Amino acid sequence: MATAMVTIPFQNDLLQQIDRLVERRIVHSREGLIQSAIEMYIRRKQNWQNMFSYGEQLATENNFSETDVMNEIKANRNSK
């Protein structure tokens, strides 16, 4: 896989937090932490998008309105 260099400015306090994680061997390097964080962010965004798409699909297939969904959520919360 091809790579590219990216320069990103960080506030000093955030950079110090990153360095403390590296020193405690929580991660191997600044680059490793930042790459992992970005990958995690992308996966989470994709998962949320998939959930919303699935919900929209179910709503369309079952002819649910937004009001129906909100009423169901309220009923479920009140039953606990």
PDB file of N, CA and C in Angstrom:
ATOM      1  N   MET A   1       0.840  -1.164   0.000  1.00  0.00           N
ATOM      2  CA  MET A   1       0.000   0.000   0.000  1.00  0.00           C
ATOM      3  C   MET A   1       0.895   1.240   0.000  1.00  0.00           C
ATOM      4  N   ALA A   2       0.579   2.173  -0.845  1.00  0.00           N
ATOM      5  CA  ALA A   2       1.353   3.412  -0.922  1.00  0.00           C
ATOM      6  C   ALA A   2       1.080   4.269   0.299  1.00  0.00           C
ATOM      7  N   THR A   3       2.054   5.040   0.695  1.00  0.00           N
ATOM      8  CA  THR A   3       1.886   5.938   1.835  1.00  0.00           C
ATOM      9  C   THR A   3       2.201   7.356   1.416  1.00  0.00           C
ATOM     10  N   ALA A   4       1.730   8.305   2.211  1.00  0.00           N
ATOM     11  CA  ALA A   4       2.008   9.717   1.980  1.00  0.00           C
ATOM     12  C   ALA A   4       2.292  10.362   3.325  1.00  0.00           C
ATOM     13  N   MET A   5       3.115  11.350   3.327  1.00  0.00           N
ATOM     14  CA  MET A   5       3.448  12.087   4.541  1.00  0.00           C
ATOM     15  C   MET A   5       2.440  13.212   4.715  1.00  0.00           C
ATOM     16  N   VAL A   6       1.930  13.359   5.935  1.00  0.00           N
ATOM     17  CA  VAL A   6       0.975  14.408   6.258  1.00  0.00           C
ATOM     18  C   VAL A   6       1.505  15.161   7.475  1.00  0.00           C
ATOM     19  N   THR A   7       1.483  16.474   7.413  1.00  0.00           N
ATOM     20  CA  THR A   7       1.922  17.287   8.545  1.00  0.00           C
ATOM     21  C   THR A   7       0.686  17.885   9.201  1.00  0.00           C
ATOM     22  N   ILE A   8       0.528  17.606  10.501  1.00  0.00           N
ATOM     23  CA  ILE A   8      -0.635  18.081  11.241  1.00  0.00           C
ATOM     24  C   ILE A   8      -0.148  18.806  12.496  1.00  0.00           C
ATOM     25  N   PRO A   9      -0.567  20.046  12.703  1.00  0.00           N
ATOM     26  CA  PRO A   9      -0.177  20.736  13.936  1.00  0.00           C
ATOM     27  C   PRO A   9      -1.022  20.246  15.116  1.00  0.00           C
ATOM     28  N   PHE A  10      -0.397  20.077  16.275  1.00  0.00           N
ATOM     29  CA  PHE A  10      -1.069  19.677  17.495  1.00  0.00           C
ATOM     30  C   PHE A  10      -0.822  20.714  18.571  1.00  0.00           C
ATOM     31  N   GLN A  11      -1.796  20.914  19.430  1.00  0.00           N
ATOM     32  CA  GLN A  11      -1.564  21.751  20.601  1.00  0.00           C
ATOM     33  C   GLN A  11      -0.577  21.018  21.498  1.00  0.00           C
ATOM     34  N   ASN A  12       0.251  21.770  22.202  1.00  0.00           N
ATOM     35  CA  ASN A  12       1.301  21.166  23.028  1.00  0.00           C
ATOM     36  C   ASN A  12       0.756  20.193  24.066  1.00  0.00           C
ATOM     37  N   ASP A  13      -0.367  20.528  24.704  1.00  0.00           N
ATOM     38  CA  ASP A  13      -0.887  19.636  25.740  1.00  0.00           C
ATOM     39  C   ASP A  13      -1.331  18.294  25.160  1.00  0.00           C
ATOM     40  N   LEU A  14      -1.915  18.300  23.979  1.00  0.00           N
ATOM     41  CA  LEU A  14      -2.307  17.048  23.350  1.00  0.00           C
ATOM     42  C   LEU A  14      -1.077  16.234  22.961  1.00  0.00           C
ATOM     43  N   LEU A  15      -0.078  16.885  22.433  1.00  0.00           N
ATOM     44  CA  LEU A  15       1.156  16.196  22.060  1.00  0.00           C
ATOM     45  C   LEU A  15       1.830  15.587  23.297  1.00  0.00           C
ATOM     46  N   GLN A  16       1.782  16.286  24.416  1.00  0.00           N
ATOM     47  CA  GLN A  16       2.351  15.749  25.653  1.00  0.00           C
ATOM     48  C   GLN A  16       1.592  14.506  26.111  1.00  0.00           C
ATOM     49  N   GLN A  17       0.274  14.504  25.952  1.00  0.00           N
ATOM     50  CA  GLN A  17      -0.520  13.321  26.308  1.00  0.00           C
ATOM     51  C   GLN A  17      -0.154  12.138  25.418  1.00  0.00           C
ATOM     52  N   ILE A  18       0.020  12.406  24.146  1.00  0.00           N
ATOM     53  CA  ILE A  18       0.433  11.356  23.215  1.00  0.00           C
ATOM     54  C   ILE A  18       1.794  10.806  23.629  1.00  0.00           C
ATOM     55  N   ASP A  19       2.729  11.704  23.938  1.00  0.00           N
ATOM     56  CA  ASP A  19       4.072  11.275  24.327  1.00  0.00           C
ATOM     57  C   ASP A  19       4.053  10.445  25.615  1.00  0.00           C
ATOM     58  N   ARG A  20       3.172  10.788  26.552  1.00  0.00           N
ATOM     59  CA  ARG A  20       3.082   9.998  27.789  1.00  0.00           C
ATOM     60  C   ARG A  20       2.607   8.574  27.498  1.00  0.00           C
ATOM     61  N   LEU A  21       1.677   8.442  26.565  1.00  0.00           N
ATOM     62  CA  LEU A  21       1.220   7.101  26.177  1.00  0.00           C
ATOM     63  C   LEU A  21       2.354   6.306  25.546  1.00  0.00           C
ATOM     64  N   VAL A  22       3.133   6.964  24.726  1.00  0.00           N
ATOM     65  CA  VAL A  22       4.269   6.297  24.081  1.00  0.00           C
ATOM     66  C   VAL A  22       5.295   5.888  25.134  1.00  0.00           C
ATOM     67  N   GLU A  23       5.572   6.774  26.088  1.00  0.00           N
ATOM     68  CA  GLU A  23       6.546   6.468  27.141  1.00  0.00           C
ATOM     69  C   GLU A  23       6.108   5.278  27.994  1.00  0.00           C
ATOM     70  N   ARG A  24       4.798   5.173  28.236  1.00  0.00           N
ATOM     71  CA  ARG A  24       4.287   4.059  29.043  1.00  0.00           C
ATOM     72  C   ARG A  24       4.048   2.808  28.200  1.00  0.00           C
ATOM     73  N   ARG A  25       4.467   2.885  26.959  1.00  0.00           N
ATOM     74  CA  ARG A  25       4.356   1.780  26.016  1.00  0.00           C
ATOM     75  C   ARG A  25       2.900   1.335  25.774  1.00  0.00           C
ATOM     76  N   ILE A  26       1.981   2.292  25.905  1.00  0.00           N
ATOM     77  CA  ILE A  26       0.595   2.031  25.551  1.00  0.00           C
ATOM     78  C   ILE A  26       0.510   1.868  24.029  1.00  0.00           C
ATOM     79  N   VAL A  27       1.305   2.665  23.337  1.00  0.00           N
ATOM     80  CA  VAL A  27       1.459   2.563  21.881  1.00  0.00           C
ATOM     81  C   VAL A  27       2.947   2.626  21.585  1.00  0.00           C
ATOM     82  N   HIS A  28       3.323   2.247  20.393  1.00  0.00           N
ATOM     83  CA  HIS A  28       4.746   2.201  20.041  1.00  0.00           C
ATOM     84  C   HIS A  28       5.317   3.534  19.578  1.00  0.00           C
ATOM     85  N   SER A  29       4.450   4.381  19.015  1.00  0.00           N
ATOM     86  CA  SER A  29       4.945   5.649  18.489  1.00  0.00           C
ATOM     87  C   SER A  29       3.790   6.626  18.340  1.00  0.00           C
ATOM     88  N   ARG A  30       4.142   7.885  18.178  1.00  0.00           N
ATOM     89  CA  ARG A  30       3.111   8.886  17.891  1.00  0.00           C
ATOM     90  C   ARG A  30       2.334   8.497  16.641  1.00  0.00           C
ATOM     91  N   GLU A  31       3.087   8.124  15.632  1.00  0.00           N
ATOM     92  CA  GLU A  31       2.456   7.764  14.355  1.00  0.00           C
ATOM     93  C   GLU A  31       1.484   6.606  14.527  1.00  0.00           C
ATOM     94  N   GLY A  32       1.892   5.603  15.312  1.00  0.00           N
ATOM     95  CA  GLY A  32       1.023   4.447  15.535  1.00  0.00           C
ATOM     96  C   GLY A  32      -0.266   4.825  16.227  1.00  0.00           C
ATOM     97  N   LEU A  33      -0.156   5.699  17.229  1.00  0.00           N
ATOM     98  CA  LEU A  33      -1.345   6.140  17.951  1.00  0.00           C
ATOM     99  C   LEU A  33      -2.279   6.914  17.034  1.00  0.00           C
ATOM    100  N   ILE A  34      -1.725   7.827  16.284  1.00  0.00           N
ATOM    101  CA  ILE A  34      -2.549   8.656  15.408  1.00  0.00           C
ATOM    102  C   ILE A  34      -3.196   7.819  14.311  1.00  0.00           C
ATOM    103  N   GLN A  35      -2.449   6.892  13.732  1.00  0.00           N
ATOM    104  CA  GLN A  35      -3.029   6.018  12.711  1.00  0.00           C
ATOM    105  C   GLN A  35      -4.149   5.169  13.298  1.00  0.00           C
ATOM    106  N   SER A  36      -3.925   4.605  14.483  1.00  0.00           N
ATOM    107  CA  SER A  36      -4.963   3.782  15.120  1.00  0.00           C
ATOM    108  C   SER A  36      -6.201   4.602  15.427  1.00  0.00           C
ATOM    109  N   ALA A  37      -5.996   5.824  15.915  1.00  0.00           N
ATOM    110  CA  ALA A  37      -7.126   6.689  16.247  1.00  0.00           C
ATOM    111  C   ALA A  37      -7.947   7.026  15.002  1.00  0.00           C
ATOM    112  N   ILE A  38      -7.275   7.301  13.914  1.00  0.00           N
ATOM    113  CA  ILE A  38      -7.987   7.630  12.677  1.00  0.00           C
ATOM    114  C   ILE A  38      -8.737   6.411  12.154  1.00  0.00           C
ATOM    115  N   GLU A  39      -8.092   5.252  12.185  1.00  0.00           N
ATOM    116  CA  GLU A  39      -8.768   4.026  11.739  1.00  0.00           C
ATOM    117  C   GLU A  39     -10.004   3.746  12.595  1.00  0.00           C
ATOM    118  N   MET A  40      -9.890   3.930  13.910  1.00  0.00           N
ATOM    119  CA  MET A  40     -11.015   3.708  14.817  1.00  0.00           C
ATOM    120  C   MET A  40     -12.141   4.694  14.511  1.00  0.00           C
ATOM    121  N   TYR A  41     -11.785   5.936  14.284  1.00  0.00           N
ATOM    122  CA  TYR A  41     -12.775   6.965  13.957  1.00  0.00           C
ATOM    123  C   TYR A  41     -13.532   6.590  12.679  1.00  0.00           C
ATOM    124  N   ILE A  42     -12.802   6.184  11.654  1.00  0.00           N
ATOM    125  CA  ILE A  42     -13.427   5.818  10.384  1.00  0.00           C
ATOM    126  C   ILE A  42     -14.352   4.621  10.561  1.00  0.00           C
ATOM    127  N   ARG A  43     -13.891   3.589  11.291  1.00  0.00           N
ATOM    128  CA  ARG A  43     -14.735   2.405  11.534  1.00  0.00           C
ATOM    129  C   ARG A  43     -16.011   2.780  12.274  1.00  0.00           C
ATOM    130  N   ARG A  44     -15.893   3.617  13.289  1.00  0.00           N
ATOM    131  CA  ARG A  44     -17.078   4.018  14.051  1.00  0.00           C
ATOM    132  C   ARG A  44     -18.053   4.801  13.186  1.00  0.00           C
ATOM    133  N   LYS A  45     -17.532   5.714  12.387  1.00  0.00           N
ATOM    134  CA  LYS A  45     -18.402   6.478  11.486  1.00  0.00           C
ATOM    135  C   LYS A  45     -19.113   5.552  10.506  1.00  0.00           C
ATOM    136  N   GLN A  46     -18.378   4.580   9.954  1.00  0.00           N
ATOM    137  CA  GLN A  46     -18.978   3.629   9.021  1.00  0.00           C
ATOM    138  C   GLN A  46     -20.036   2.778   9.711  1.00  0.00           C
ATOM    139  N   ASN A  47     -19.752   2.345  10.951  1.00  0.00           N
ATOM    140  CA  ASN A  47     -20.728   1.550  11.694  1.00  0.00           C
ATOM    141  C   ASN A  47     -22.004   2.339  11.952  1.00  0.00           C
ATOM    142  N   TRP A  48     -21.869   3.608  12.351  1.00  0.00           N
ATOM    143  CA  TRP A  48     -23.049   4.438  12.574  1.00  0.00           C
ATOM    144  C   TRP A  48     -23.831   4.610  11.272  1.00  0.00           C
ATOM    145  N   GLN A  49     -23.121   4.853  10.179  1.00  0.00           N
ATOM    146  CA  GLN A  49     -23.808   5.022   8.898  1.00  0.00           C
ATOM    147  C   GLN A  49     -24.536   3.752   8.505  1.00  0.00           C
ATOM    148  N   ASN A  50     -23.899   2.601   8.735  1.00  0.00           N
ATOM    149  CA  ASN A  50     -24.549   1.324   8.435  1.00  0.00           C
ATOM    150  C   ASN A  50     -25.806   1.129   9.273  1.00  0.00           C
ATOM    151  N   MET A  51     -25.733   1.493  10.569  1.00  0.00           N
ATOM    152  CA  MET A  51     -26.909   1.357  11.431  1.00  0.00           C
ATOM    153  C   MET A  51     -28.044   2.265  10.974  1.00  0.00           C
ATOM    154  N   PHE A  52     -27.721   3.509  10.630  1.00  0.00           N
ATOM    155  CA  PHE A  52     -28.759   4.426  10.166  1.00  0.00           C
ATOM    156  C   PHE A  52     -29.365   3.937   8.840  1.00  0.00           C
ATOM    157  N   SER A  53     -28.533   3.444   7.953  1.00  0.00           N
ATOM    158  CA  SER A  53     -29.036   2.931   6.678  1.00  0.00           C
ATOM    159  C   SER A  53     -29.962   1.741   6.901  1.00  0.00           C
ATOM    160  N   TYR A  54     -29.561   0.852   7.810  1.00  0.00           N
ATOM    161  CA  TYR A  54     -30.390  -0.317   8.129  1.00  0.00           C
ATOM    162  C   TYR A  54     -31.721   0.135   8.734  1.00  0.00           C
ATOM    163  N   GLY A  55     -31.674   1.111   9.634  1.00  0.00           N
ATOM    164  CA  GLY A  55     -32.900   1.630  10.234  1.00  0.00           C
ATOM    165  C   GLY A  55     -33.818   2.252   9.198  1.00  0.00           C
ATOM    166  N   GLU A  56     -33.241   3.003   8.287  1.00  0.00           N
ATOM    167  CA  GLU A  56     -34.041   3.601   7.216  1.00  0.00           C
ATOM    168  C   GLU A  56     -34.656   2.531   6.324  1.00  0.00           C
ATOM    169  N   GLN A  57     -33.887   1.480   6.050  1.00  0.00           N
ATOM    170  CA  GLN A  57     -34.387   0.374   5.231  1.00  0.00           C
ATOM    171  C   GLN A  57     -35.567  -0.304   5.927  1.00  0.00           C
ATOM    172  N   LEU A  58     -35.421  -0.589   7.220  1.00  0.00           N
ATOM    173  CA  LEU A  58     -36.509  -1.222   7.968  1.00  0.00           C
ATOM    174  C   LEU A  58     -37.742  -0.322   8.024  1.00  0.00           C
ATOM    175  N   ALA A  59     -37.516   0.965   8.224  1.00  0.00           N
ATOM    176  CA  ALA A  59     -38.633   1.902   8.287  1.00  0.00           C
ATOM    177  C   ALA A  59     -39.388   1.933   6.966  1.00  0.00           C
ATOM    178  N   THR A  60     -38.649   1.934   5.876  1.00  0.00           N
ATOM    179  CA  THR A  60     -39.276   1.948   4.554  1.00  0.00           C
ATOM    180  C   THR A  60     -40.027   0.644   4.293  1.00  0.00           C
ATOM    181  N   GLU A  61     -39.386  -0.487   4.581  1.00  0.00           N
ATOM    182  CA  GLU A  61     -40.014  -1.789   4.340  1.00  0.00           C
ATOM    183  C   GLU A  61     -41.281  -1.987   5.174  1.00  0.00           C
ATOM    184  N   ASN A  62     -41.289  -1.428   6.394  1.00  0.00           N
ATOM    185  CA  ASN A  62     -42.417  -1.631   7.302  1.00  0.00           C
ATOM    186  C   ASN A  62     -43.330  -0.420   7.417  1.00  0.00           C
ATOM    187  N   ASN A  63     -43.060   0.588   6.586  1.00  0.00           N
ATOM    188  CA  ASN A  63     -43.870   1.800   6.543  1.00  0.00           C
ATOM    189  C   ASN A  63     -43.953   2.488   7.911  1.00  0.00           C
ATOM    190  N   PHE A  64     -42.829   2.548   8.616  1.00  0.00           N
ATOM    191  CA  PHE A  64     -42.757   3.235   9.904  1.00  0.00           C
ATOM    192  C   PHE A  64     -42.485   4.711   9.667  1.00  0.00           C
ATOM    193  N   SER A  65     -43.157   5.532  10.440  1.00  0.00           N
ATOM    194  CA  SER A  65     -42.856   6.967  10.397  1.00  0.00           C
ATOM    195  C   SER A  65     -41.886   7.288  11.531  1.00  0.00           C
ATOM    196  N   GLU A  66     -41.348   8.483  11.504  1.00  0.00           N
ATOM    197  CA  GLU A  66     -40.458   8.906  12.587  1.00  0.00           C
ATOM    198  C   GLU A  66     -41.225   8.931  13.909  1.00  0.00           C
ATOM    199  N   THR A  67     -42.485   9.317  13.853  1.00  0.00           N
ATOM    200  CA  THR A  67     -43.324   9.326  15.063  1.00  0.00           C
ATOM    201  C   THR A  67     -43.501   7.923  15.615  1.00  0.00           C
ATOM    202  N   ASP A  68     -43.697   6.943  14.730  1.00  0.00           N
ATOM    203  CA  ASP A  68     -43.811   5.548  15.176  1.00  0.00           C
ATOM    204  C   ASP A  68     -42.551   5.115  15.929  1.00  0.00           C
ATOM    205  N   VAL A  69     -41.425   5.459  15.380  1.00  0.00           N
ATOM    206  CA  VAL A  69     -40.149   5.069  15.999  1.00  0.00           C
ATOM    207  C   VAL A  69     -39.999   5.742  17.357  1.00  0.00           C
ATOM    208  N   MET A  70     -40.283   7.032  17.441  1.00  0.00           N
ATOM    209  CA  MET A  70     -40.159   7.754  18.709  1.00  0.00           C
ATOM    210  C   MET A  70     -41.124   7.193  19.755  1.00  0.00           C
ATOM    211  N   ASN A  71     -42.339   6.870  19.355  1.00  0.00           N
ATOM    212  CA  ASN A  71     -43.307   6.280  20.288  1.00  0.00           C
ATOM    213  C   ASN A  71     -42.832   4.929  20.793  1.00  0.00           C
ATOM    214  N   GLU A  72     -42.237   4.149  19.933  1.00  0.00           N
ATOM    215  CA  GLU A  72     -41.725   2.832  20.333  1.00  0.00           C
ATOM    216  C   GLU A  72     -40.562   2.973  21.317  1.00  0.00           C
ATOM    217  N   ILE A  73     -39.695   3.939  21.067  1.00  0.00           N
ATOM    218  CA  ILE A  73     -38.575   4.182  21.982  1.00  0.00           C
ATOM    219  C   ILE A  73     -39.101   4.606  23.354  1.00  0.00           C
ATOM    220  N   LYS A  74     -40.055   5.528  23.372  1.00  0.00           N
ATOM    221  CA  LYS A  74     -40.633   5.984  24.641  1.00  0.00           C
ATOM    222  C   LYS A  74     -41.297   4.829  25.380  1.00  0.00           C
ATOM    223  N   ALA A  75     -42.047   4.006  24.665  1.00  0.00           N
ATOM    224  CA  ALA A  75     -42.729   2.874  25.300  1.00  0.00           C
ATOM    225  C   ALA A  75     -41.715   1.898  25.886  1.00  0.00           C
ATOM    226  N   ASN A  76     -40.640   1.662  25.166  1.00  0.00           N
ATOM    227  CA  ASN A  76     -39.612   0.742  25.641  1.00  0.00           C
ATOM    228  C   ASN A  76     -38.921   1.303  26.879  1.00  0.00           C
ATOM    229  N   ARG A  77     -38.629   2.588  26.885  1.00  0.00           N
ATOM    230  CA  ARG A  77     -37.956   3.210  28.036  1.00  0.00           C
ATOM    231  C   ARG A  77     -38.870   3.213  29.252  1.00  0.00           C
ATOM    232  N   ASN A  78     -40.156   3.421  29.043  1.00  0.00           N
ATOM    233  CA  ASN A  78     -41.099   3.474  30.155  1.00  0.00           C
ATOM    234  C   ASN A  78     -41.362   2.093  30.758  1.00  0.00           C
ATOM    235  N   SER A  79     -41.118   1.044  29.992  1.00  0.00           N
ATOM    236  CA  SER A  79     -41.394  -0.307  30.477  1.00  0.00           C
ATOM    237  C   SER A  79     -40.298  -0.837  31.396  1.00  0.00           C
ATOM    238  N   LYS A  80     -39.205  -0.112  31.512  1.00  0.00           N
ATOM    239  CA  LYS A  80     -38.087  -0.581  32.324  1.00  0.00           C
ATOM    240  C   LYS A  80     -38.172  -0.087  33.735  1.00  0.00           C
TER     241      LYS A  80
END
